[in-house]
Structure formats: structure tokens, C-alpha cells
Amino acid sequence: MTKKSVIIDTKSHSELTKLTESLNMNYGSLVEEMIYYFKKTGIDPKDAVNKNPSIMVAALDKRIVSFLKVQERDILKPLRQDVFNYQNL
């Protein structure tokens, strides 16, 4: 493997050092994992409005639960009542 250099400012290097220490990784491995992460997820690191993925999953979960409740109210409960009424005929 050939080594390459990347020029970053002092503040970014300090943050990178903190990340390497907290994640117990070396600089090269951490940068490689960052590249794979952004490539796999399609998240744009320049986009400052990116939200925490767990918050986005929670919001999606709420939407799914709401959808299921509406389906239950509009379809399943009336269907159950129709079946009950049919049995009592």
C-alpha cells in the first residue's frame, strides 16, 4: 500500500486526533472508514443540516405507526365489525 498525505488545518487535525483516540483507531483506518461510510450512506458531509440517523429513524418509525393506526381505524375495525354482524345473522 502506498502512503498519501492529506493537508488539513490545525483544528481539523486536533478533532481527528480526538476521534482516533476515542475510537482506538489510527489516522489511516479512521479516514478509510469515513470514506466508506459517506460512500455507503450517500450523506454529504458538507451539508450542515444532516441530522442524526437515529432521529431520522425515530421520525420514520412514528410515520409508520401513524399509518398503521389509520389502516386499523379505516379498514380493520370496520371489517371486524362486518364479520361480527354477519355471524349474528
PDB file of N, CA and C in Angstrom:
ATOM      1  N   MET A   1       0.849  -1.168   0.000  1.00  0.00           N
ATOM      2  CA  MET A   1       0.000   0.000   0.000  1.00  0.00           C
ATOM      3  C   MET A   1       0.896   1.234   0.000  1.00  0.00           C
ATOM      4  N   THR A   2       0.617   2.160  -0.898  1.00  0.00           N
ATOM      5  CA  THR A   2       1.386   3.402  -0.910  1.00  0.00           C
ATOM      6  C   THR A   2       0.722   4.406   0.009  1.00  0.00           C
ATOM      7  N   LYS A   3       1.524   5.188   0.674  1.00  0.00           N
ATOM      8  CA  LYS A   3       1.011   6.182   1.608  1.00  0.00           C
ATOM      9  C   LYS A   3       0.799   7.496   0.892  1.00  0.00           C
ATOM     10  N   LYS A   4      -0.235   8.208   1.282  1.00  0.00           N
ATOM     11  CA  LYS A   4      -0.564   9.513   0.727  1.00  0.00           C
ATOM     12  C   LYS A   4      -0.704  10.502   1.870  1.00  0.00           C
ATOM     13  N   SER A   5      -0.509  11.768   1.575  1.00  0.00           N
ATOM     14  CA  SER A   5      -0.667  12.823   2.570  1.00  0.00           C
ATOM     15  C   SER A   5      -1.918  13.633   2.262  1.00  0.00           C
ATOM     16  N   VAL A   6      -2.538  14.121   3.316  1.00  0.00           N
ATOM     17  CA  VAL A   6      -3.709  14.975   3.185  1.00  0.00           C
ATOM     18  C   VAL A   6      -3.446  16.226   4.004  1.00  0.00           C
ATOM     19  N   ILE A   7      -3.680  17.385   3.410  1.00  0.00           N
ATOM     20  CA  ILE A   7      -3.446  18.645   4.111  1.00  0.00           C
ATOM     21  C   ILE A   7      -4.757  19.099   4.751  1.00  0.00           C
ATOM     22  N   ILE A   8      -4.735  19.268   6.086  1.00  0.00           N
ATOM     23  CA  ILE A   8      -5.891  19.783   6.816  1.00  0.00           C
ATOM     24  C   ILE A   8      -5.403  20.839   7.793  1.00  0.00           C
ATOM     25  N   ASP A   9      -6.324  21.676   8.249  1.00  0.00           N
ATOM     26  CA  ASP A   9      -5.918  22.728   9.182  1.00  0.00           C
ATOM     27  C   ASP A   9      -5.709  22.149  10.589  1.00  0.00           C
ATOM     28  N   THR A  10      -5.161  22.956  11.464  1.00  0.00           N
ATOM     29  CA  THR A  10      -4.793  22.508  12.807  1.00  0.00           C
ATOM     30  C   THR A  10      -6.010  22.066  13.609  1.00  0.00           C
ATOM     31  N   LYS A  11      -7.098  22.817  13.499  1.00  0.00           N
ATOM     32  CA  LYS A  11      -8.308  22.473  14.251  1.00  0.00           C
ATOM     33  C   LYS A  11      -8.847  21.111  13.804  1.00  0.00           C
ATOM     34  N   SER A  12      -8.881  20.887  12.503  1.00  0.00           N
ATOM     35  CA  SER A  12      -9.363  19.602  11.987  1.00  0.00           C
ATOM     36  C   SER A  12      -8.449  18.465  12.425  1.00  0.00           C
ATOM     37  N   HIS A  13      -7.149  18.716  12.435  1.00  0.00           N
ATOM     38  CA  HIS A  13      -6.204  17.686  12.885  1.00  0.00           C
ATOM     39  C   HIS A  13      -6.428  17.362  14.353  1.00  0.00           C
ATOM     40  N   SER A  14      -6.708  18.383  15.147  1.00  0.00           N
ATOM     41  CA  SER A  14      -6.978  18.169  16.563  1.00  0.00           C
ATOM     42  C   SER A  14      -8.230  17.306  16.745  1.00  0.00           C
ATOM     43  N   GLU A  15      -9.272  17.606  15.979  1.00  0.00           N
ATOM     44  CA  GLU A  15     -10.504  16.817  16.054  1.00  0.00           C
ATOM     45  C   GLU A  15     -10.271  15.386  15.577  1.00  0.00           C
ATOM     46  N   LEU A  16      -9.477  15.239  14.534  1.00  0.00           N
ATOM     47  CA  LEU A  16      -9.150  13.908  14.024  1.00  0.00           C
ATOM     48  C   LEU A  16      -8.387  13.108  15.076  1.00  0.00           C
ATOM     49  N   THR A  17      -7.476  13.762  15.763  1.00  0.00           N
ATOM     50  CA  THR A  17      -6.716  13.102  16.824  1.00  0.00           C
ATOM     51  C   THR A  17      -7.645  12.639  17.941  1.00  0.00           C
ATOM     52  N   LYS A  18      -8.597  13.492  18.335  1.00  0.00           N
ATOM     53  CA  LYS A  18      -9.559  13.111  19.375  1.00  0.00           C
ATOM     54  C   LYS A  18     -10.381  11.898  18.937  1.00  0.00           C
ATOM     55  N   LEU A  19     -10.794  11.907  17.669  1.00  0.00           N
ATOM     56  CA  LEU A  19     -11.570  10.779  17.155  1.00  0.00           C
ATOM     57  C   LEU A  19     -10.757   9.490  17.149  1.00  0.00           C
ATOM     58  N   THR A  20      -9.501   9.586  16.714  1.00  0.00           N
ATOM     59  CA  THR A  20      -8.669   8.376  16.678  1.00  0.00           C
ATOM     60  C   THR A  20      -8.476   7.803  18.076  1.00  0.00           C
ATOM     61  N   GLU A  21      -8.318   8.684  19.050  1.00  0.00           N
ATOM     62  CA  GLU A  21      -8.128   8.221  20.422  1.00  0.00           C
ATOM     63  C   GLU A  21      -9.413   7.616  20.981  1.00  0.00           C
ATOM     64  N   SER A  22     -10.554   8.281  20.744  1.00  0.00           N
ATOM     65  CA  SER A  22     -11.806   7.781  21.306  1.00  0.00           C
ATOM     66  C   SER A  22     -12.263   6.491  20.633  1.00  0.00           C
ATOM     67  N   LEU A  23     -11.943   6.320  19.354  1.00  0.00           N
ATOM     68  CA  LEU A  23     -12.354   5.119  18.626  1.00  0.00           C
ATOM     69  C   LEU A  23     -11.268   4.048  18.590  1.00  0.00           C
ATOM     70  N   ASN A  24     -10.117   4.375  19.168  1.00  0.00           N
ATOM     71  CA  ASN A  24      -8.980   3.446  19.219  1.00  0.00           C
ATOM     72  C   ASN A  24      -8.592   2.965  17.815  1.00  0.00           C
ATOM     73  N   MET A  25      -8.422   3.936  16.912  1.00  0.00           N
ATOM     74  CA  MET A  25      -8.033   3.644  15.527  1.00  0.00           C
ATOM     75  C   MET A  25      -6.862   4.545  15.162  1.00  0.00           C
ATOM     76  N   ASN A  26      -6.133   4.156  14.127  1.00  0.00           N
ATOM     77  CA  ASN A  26      -5.090   5.055  13.644  1.00  0.00           C
ATOM     78  C   ASN A  26      -5.689   5.986  12.587  1.00  0.00           C
ATOM     79  N   TYR A  27      -4.925   7.001  12.198  1.00  0.00           N
ATOM     80  CA  TYR A  27      -5.431   8.011  11.265  1.00  0.00           C
ATOM     81  C   TYR A  27      -5.900   7.389   9.948  1.00  0.00           C
ATOM     82  N   GLY A  28      -5.075   6.533   9.389  1.00  0.00           N
ATOM     83  CA  GLY A  28      -5.404   5.940   8.094  1.00  0.00           C
ATOM     84  C   GLY A  28      -6.681   5.123   8.126  1.00  0.00           C
ATOM     85  N   SER A  29      -6.815   4.281   9.139  1.00  0.00           N
ATOM     86  CA  SER A  29      -8.014   3.446   9.255  1.00  0.00           C
ATOM     87  C   SER A  29      -9.265   4.291   9.442  1.00  0.00           C
ATOM     88  N   LEU A  30      -9.150   5.327  10.265  1.00  0.00           N
ATOM     89  CA  LEU A  30     -10.300   6.190  10.511  1.00  0.00           C
ATOM     90  C   LEU A  30     -10.735   6.908   9.236  1.00  0.00           C
ATOM     91  N   VAL A  31      -9.791   7.453   8.502  1.00  0.00           N
ATOM     92  CA  VAL A  31     -10.125   8.157   7.261  1.00  0.00           C
ATOM     93  C   VAL A  31     -10.733   7.187   6.250  1.00  0.00           C
ATOM     94  N   GLU A  32     -10.192   5.982   6.154  1.00  0.00           N
ATOM     95  CA  GLU A  32     -10.759   4.982   5.244  1.00  0.00           C
ATOM     96  C   GLU A  32     -12.203   4.664   5.617  1.00  0.00           C
ATOM     97  N   GLU A  33     -12.450   4.462   6.905  1.00  0.00           N
ATOM     98  CA  GLU A  33     -13.813   4.156   7.353  1.00  0.00           C
ATOM     99  C   GLU A  33     -14.751   5.328   7.089  1.00  0.00           C
ATOM    100  N   MET A  34     -14.261   6.557   7.255  1.00  0.00           N
ATOM    101  CA  MET A  34     -15.080   7.737   6.948  1.00  0.00           C
ATOM    102  C   MET A  34     -15.467   7.750   5.471  1.00  0.00           C
ATOM    103  N   ILE A  35     -14.508   7.466   4.627  1.00  0.00           N
ATOM    104  CA  ILE A  35     -14.766   7.448   3.181  1.00  0.00           C
ATOM    105  C   ILE A  35     -15.820   6.395   2.855  1.00  0.00           C
ATOM    106  N   TYR A  36     -15.658   5.183   3.389  1.00  0.00           N
ATOM    107  CA  TYR A  36     -16.618   4.111   3.119  1.00  0.00           C
ATOM    108  C   TYR A  36     -18.004   4.462   3.660  1.00  0.00           C
ATOM    109  N   TYR A  37     -18.036   5.104   4.837  1.00  0.00           N
ATOM    110  CA  TYR A  37     -19.314   5.483   5.449  1.00  0.00           C
ATOM    111  C   TYR A  37     -20.068   6.468   4.563  1.00  0.00           C
ATOM    112  N   PHE A  38     -19.381   7.526   4.139  1.00  0.00           N
ATOM    113  CA  PHE A  38     -20.051   8.534   3.313  1.00  0.00           C
ATOM    114  C   PHE A  38     -20.441   7.968   1.954  1.00  0.00           C
ATOM    115  N   LYS A  39     -19.635   7.081   1.431  1.00  0.00           N
ATOM    116  CA  LYS A  39     -19.956   6.470   0.139  1.00  0.00           C
ATOM    117  C   LYS A  39     -21.166   5.547   0.267  1.00  0.00           C
ATOM    118  N   LYS A  40     -21.201   4.765   1.337  1.00  0.00           N
ATOM    119  CA  LYS A  40     -22.291   3.808   1.529  1.00  0.00           C
ATOM    120  C   LYS A  40     -23.614   4.498   1.857  1.00  0.00           C
ATOM    121  N   THR A  41     -23.583   5.503   2.728  1.00  0.00           N
ATOM    122  CA  THR A  41     -24.823   6.149   3.159  1.00  0.00           C
ATOM    123  C   THR A  41     -25.292   7.229   2.204  1.00  0.00           C
ATOM    124  N   GLY A  42     -24.387   7.757   1.389  1.00  0.00           N
ATOM    125  CA  GLY A  42     -24.765   8.830   0.477  1.00  0.00           C
ATOM    126  C   GLY A  42     -24.937  10.169   1.169  1.00  0.00           C
ATOM    127  N   ILE A  43     -24.503  10.271   2.411  1.00  0.00           N
ATOM    128  CA  ILE A  43     -24.610  11.524   3.155  1.00  0.00           C
ATOM    129  C   ILE A  43     -23.533  12.480   2.668  1.00  0.00           C
ATOM    130  N   ASP A  44     -23.928  13.730   2.459  1.00  0.00           N
ATOM    131  CA  ASP A  44     -22.984  14.752   2.027  1.00  0.00           C
ATOM    132  C   ASP A  44     -22.400  15.420   3.270  1.00  0.00           C
ATOM    133  N   PRO A  45     -21.111  15.251   3.559  1.00  0.00           N
ATOM    134  CA  PRO A  45     -20.530  15.832   4.778  1.00  0.00           C
ATOM    135  C   PRO A  45     -20.521  17.357   4.768  1.00  0.00           C
ATOM    136  N   LYS A  46     -20.634  17.975   3.597  1.00  0.00           N
ATOM    137  CA  LYS A  46     -20.687  19.439   3.524  1.00  0.00           C
ATOM    138  C   LYS A  46     -22.036  19.971   3.969  1.00  0.00           C
ATOM    139  N   ASP A  47     -23.050  19.135   3.908  1.00  0.00           N
ATOM    140  CA  ASP A  47     -24.408  19.544   4.227  1.00  0.00           C
ATOM    141  C   ASP A  47     -24.565  19.641   5.743  1.00  0.00           C
ATOM    142  N   ALA A  48     -24.665  20.859   6.243  1.00  0.00           N
ATOM    143  CA  ALA A  48     -24.707  21.076   7.688  1.00  0.00           C
ATOM    144  C   ALA A  48     -26.047  20.679   8.299  1.00  0.00           C
ATOM    145  N   VAL A  49     -27.064  20.452   7.481  1.00  0.00           N
ATOM    146  CA  VAL A  49     -28.369  20.113   8.034  1.00  0.00           C
ATOM    147  C   VAL A  49     -28.569  18.608   8.172  1.00  0.00           C
ATOM    148  N   ASN A  50     -27.535  17.825   7.925  1.00  0.00           N
ATOM    149  CA  ASN A  50     -27.656  16.384   8.142  1.00  0.00           C
ATOM    150  C   ASN A  50     -28.013  16.137   9.592  1.00  0.00           C
ATOM    151  N   LYS A  51     -28.997  15.299   9.795  1.00  0.00           N
ATOM    152  CA  LYS A  51     -29.453  15.018  11.141  1.00  0.00           C
ATOM    153  C   LYS A  51     -28.886  13.684  11.608  1.00  0.00           C
ATOM    154  N   ASN A  52     -28.987  13.500  12.874  1.00  0.00           N
ATOM    155  CA  ASN A  52     -28.564  12.251  13.485  1.00  0.00           C
ATOM    156  C   ASN A  52     -29.415  11.120  12.901  1.00  0.00           C
ATOM    157  N   PRO A  53     -28.810  10.049  12.390  1.00  0.00           N
ATOM    158  CA  PRO A  53     -29.602   8.961  11.802  1.00  0.00           C
ATOM    159  C   PRO A  53     -30.626   8.361  12.759  1.00  0.00           C
ATOM    160  N   SER A  54     -30.315   8.313  14.043  1.00  0.00           N
ATOM    161  CA  SER A  54     -31.277   7.741  14.986  1.00  0.00           C
ATOM    162  C   SER A  54     -32.517   8.619  15.101  1.00  0.00           C
ATOM    163  N   ILE A  55     -32.357   9.942  14.972  1.00  0.00           N
ATOM    164  CA  ILE A  55     -33.509  10.846  14.996  1.00  0.00           C
ATOM    165  C   ILE A  55     -34.357  10.633  13.746  1.00  0.00           C
ATOM    166  N   MET A  56     -33.701  10.462  12.602  1.00  0.00           N
ATOM    167  CA  MET A  56     -34.433  10.232  11.359  1.00  0.00           C
ATOM    168  C   MET A  56     -35.182   8.902  11.415  1.00  0.00           C
ATOM    169  N   VAL A  57     -34.579   7.869  12.003  1.00  0.00           N
ATOM    170  CA  VAL A  57     -35.247   6.574  12.131  1.00  0.00           C
ATOM    171  C   VAL A  57     -36.446   6.694  13.067  1.00  0.00           C
ATOM    172  N   ALA A  58     -36.297   7.437  14.158  1.00  0.00           N
ATOM    173  CA  ALA A  58     -37.412   7.622  15.087  1.00  0.00           C
ATOM    174  C   ALA A  58     -38.576   8.332  14.406  1.00  0.00           C
ATOM    175  N   ALA A  59     -38.280   9.339  13.588  1.00  0.00           N
ATOM    176  CA  ALA A  59     -39.336  10.050  12.867  1.00  0.00           C
ATOM    177  C   ALA A  59     -40.032   9.119  11.876  1.00  0.00           C
ATOM    178  N   LEU A  60     -39.262   8.304  11.196  1.00  0.00           N
ATOM    179  CA  LEU A  60     -39.841   7.345  10.256  1.00  0.00           C
ATOM    180  C   LEU A  60     -40.694   6.321  10.997  1.00  0.00           C
ATOM    181  N   ASP A  61     -40.240   5.907  12.159  1.00  0.00           N
ATOM    182  CA  ASP A  61     -40.998   4.962  12.972  1.00  0.00           C
ATOM    183  C   ASP A  61     -42.353   5.554  13.348  1.00  0.00           C
ATOM    184  N   LYS A  62     -42.376   6.830  13.733  1.00  0.00           N
ATOM    185  CA  LYS A  62     -43.635   7.497  14.079  1.00  0.00           C
ATOM    186  C   LYS A  62     -44.575   7.525  12.881  1.00  0.00           C
ATOM    187  N   ARG A  63     -44.024   7.784  11.695  1.00  0.00           N
ATOM    188  CA  ARG A  63     -44.858   7.818  10.490  1.00  0.00           C
ATOM    189  C   ARG A  63     -45.459   6.450  10.210  1.00  0.00           C
ATOM    190  N   ILE A  64     -44.674   5.405  10.384  1.00  0.00           N
ATOM    191  CA  ILE A  64     -45.168   4.046  10.132  1.00  0.00           C
ATOM    192  C   ILE A  64     -46.261   3.682  11.128  1.00  0.00           C
ATOM    193  N   VAL A  65     -46.046   4.001  12.395  1.00  0.00           N
ATOM    194  CA  VAL A  65     -47.052   3.702  13.414  1.00  0.00           C
ATOM    195  C   VAL A  65     -48.337   4.469  13.122  1.00  0.00           C
ATOM    196  N   SER A  66     -48.224   5.729  12.736  1.00  0.00           N
ATOM    197  CA  SER A  66     -49.407   6.520  12.393  1.00  0.00           C
ATOM    198  C   SER A  66     -50.147   5.902  11.216  1.00  0.00           C
ATOM    199  N   PHE A  67     -49.410   5.474  10.204  1.00  0.00           N
ATOM    200  CA  PHE A  67     -50.020   4.834   9.039  1.00  0.00           C
ATOM    201  C   PHE A  67     -50.778   3.577   9.455  1.00  0.00           C
ATOM    202  N   LEU A  68     -50.165   2.757  10.302  1.00  0.00           N
ATOM    203  CA  LEU A  68     -50.810   1.519  10.739  1.00  0.00           C
ATOM    204  C   LEU A  68     -52.069   1.797  11.552  1.00  0.00           C
ATOM    205  N   LYS A  69     -52.050   2.826  12.383  1.00  0.00           N
ATOM    206  CA  LYS A  69     -53.236   3.181  13.165  1.00  0.00           C
ATOM    207  C   LYS A  69     -54.379   3.612  12.259  1.00  0.00           C
ATOM    208  N   VAL A  70     -54.067   4.383  11.231  1.00  0.00           N
ATOM    209  CA  VAL A  70     -55.096   4.815  10.283  1.00  0.00           C
ATOM    210  C   VAL A  70     -55.666   3.614   9.540  1.00  0.00           C
ATOM    211  N   GLN A  71     -54.801   2.690   9.124  1.00  0.00           N
ATOM    212  CA  GLN A  71     -55.276   1.492   8.437  1.00  0.00           C
ATOM    213  C   GLN A  71     -56.171   0.659   9.354  1.00  0.00           C
ATOM    214  N   GLU A  72     -55.789   0.569  10.605  1.00  0.00           N
ATOM    215  CA  GLU A  72     -56.597  -0.180  11.562  1.00  0.00           C
ATOM    216  C   GLU A  72     -57.964   0.472  11.726  1.00  0.00           C
ATOM    217  N   ARG A  73     -57.972   1.792  11.880  1.00  0.00           N
ATOM    218  CA  ARG A  73     -59.220   2.524  12.080  1.00  0.00           C
ATOM    219  C   ARG A  73     -60.125   2.453  10.847  1.00  0.00           C
ATOM    220  N   ASP A  74     -59.550   2.637   9.671  1.00  0.00           N
ATOM    221  CA  ASP A  74     -60.348   2.756   8.451  1.00  0.00           C
ATOM    222  C   ASP A  74     -60.681   1.420   7.796  1.00  0.00           C
ATOM    223  N   ILE A  75     -59.873   0.396   8.029  1.00  0.00           N
ATOM    224  CA  ILE A  75     -60.081  -0.867   7.314  1.00  0.00           C
ATOM    225  C   ILE A  75     -60.345  -2.028   8.266  1.00  0.00           C
ATOM    226  N   LEU A  76     -59.449  -2.251   9.199  1.00  0.00           N
ATOM    227  CA  LEU A  76     -59.541  -3.461  10.013  1.00  0.00           C
ATOM    228  C   LEU A  76     -60.725  -3.457  10.982  1.00  0.00           C
ATOM    229  N   LYS A  77     -60.951  -2.357  11.688  1.00  0.00           N
ATOM    230  CA  LYS A  77     -62.067  -2.319  12.635  1.00  0.00           C
ATOM    231  C   LYS A  77     -63.417  -2.421  11.931  1.00  0.00           C
ATOM    232  N   PRO A  78     -63.643  -1.691  10.831  1.00  0.00           N
ATOM    233  CA  PRO A  78     -64.917  -1.885  10.119  1.00  0.00           C
ATOM    234  C   PRO A  78     -65.075  -3.315   9.589  1.00  0.00           C
ATOM    235  N   LEU A  79     -63.993  -3.899   9.107  1.00  0.00           N
ATOM    236  CA  LEU A  79     -64.047  -5.269   8.609  1.00  0.00           C
ATOM    237  C   LEU A  79     -64.393  -6.236   9.736  1.00  0.00           C
ATOM    238  N   ARG A  80     -63.811  -6.038  10.885  1.00  0.00           N
ATOM    239  CA  ARG A  80     -64.099  -6.881  12.044  1.00  0.00           C
ATOM    240  C   ARG A  80     -65.568  -6.752  12.447  1.00  0.00           C
ATOM    241  N   GLN A  81     -66.068  -5.534  12.424  1.00  0.00           N
ATOM    242  CA  GLN A  81     -67.469  -5.309  12.774  1.00  0.00           C
ATOM    243  C   GLN A  81     -68.403  -5.970  11.757  1.00  0.00           C
ATOM    244  N   ASP A  82     -68.045  -5.885  10.484  1.00  0.00           N
ATOM    245  CA  ASP A  82     -68.850  -6.534   9.444  1.00  0.00           C
ATOM    246  C   ASP A  82     -68.880  -8.046   9.641  1.00  0.00           C
ATOM    247  N   VAL A  83     -67.746  -8.628   9.969  1.00  0.00           N
ATOM    248  CA  VAL A  83     -67.682 -10.072  10.214  1.00  0.00           C
ATOM    249  C   VAL A  83     -68.518 -10.431  11.433  1.00  0.00           C
ATOM    250  N   PHE A  84     -68.429  -9.644  12.471  1.00  0.00           N
ATOM    251  CA  PHE A  84     -69.211  -9.888  13.683  1.00  0.00           C
ATOM    252  C   PHE A  84     -70.704  -9.803  13.376  1.00  0.00           C
ATOM    253  N   ASN A  85     -71.114  -8.779  12.627  1.00  0.00           N
ATOM    254  CA  ASN A  85     -72.526  -8.619  12.270  1.00  0.00           C
ATOM    255  C   ASN A  85     -73.000  -9.772  11.387  1.00  0.00           C
ATOM    256  N   TYR A  86     -72.165 -10.233  10.499  1.00  0.00           N
ATOM    257  CA  TYR A  86     -72.516 -11.338   9.603  1.00  0.00           C
ATOM    258  C   TYR A  86     -72.725 -12.631  10.388  1.00  0.00           C
ATOM    259  N   GLN A  87     -71.917 -12.838  11.428  1.00  0.00           N
ATOM    260  CA  GLN A  87     -72.030 -14.052  12.239  1.00  0.00           C
ATOM    261  C   GLN A  87     -73.322 -14.060  13.050  1.00  0.00           C
ATOM    262  N   ASN A  88     -73.807 -12.895  13.402  1.00  0.00           N
ATOM    263  CA  ASN A  88     -75.003 -12.800  14.243  1.00  0.00           C
ATOM    264  C   ASN A  88     -76.298 -12.837  13.440  1.00  0.00           C
ATOM    265  N   LEU A  89     -76.211 -12.986  12.150  1.00  0.00           N
ATOM    266  CA  LEU A  89     -77.430 -13.054  11.335  1.00  0.00           C
ATOM    267  C   LEU A  89     -78.135 -14.351  11.460  1.00  0.00           C
TER     268      LEU A  89
END
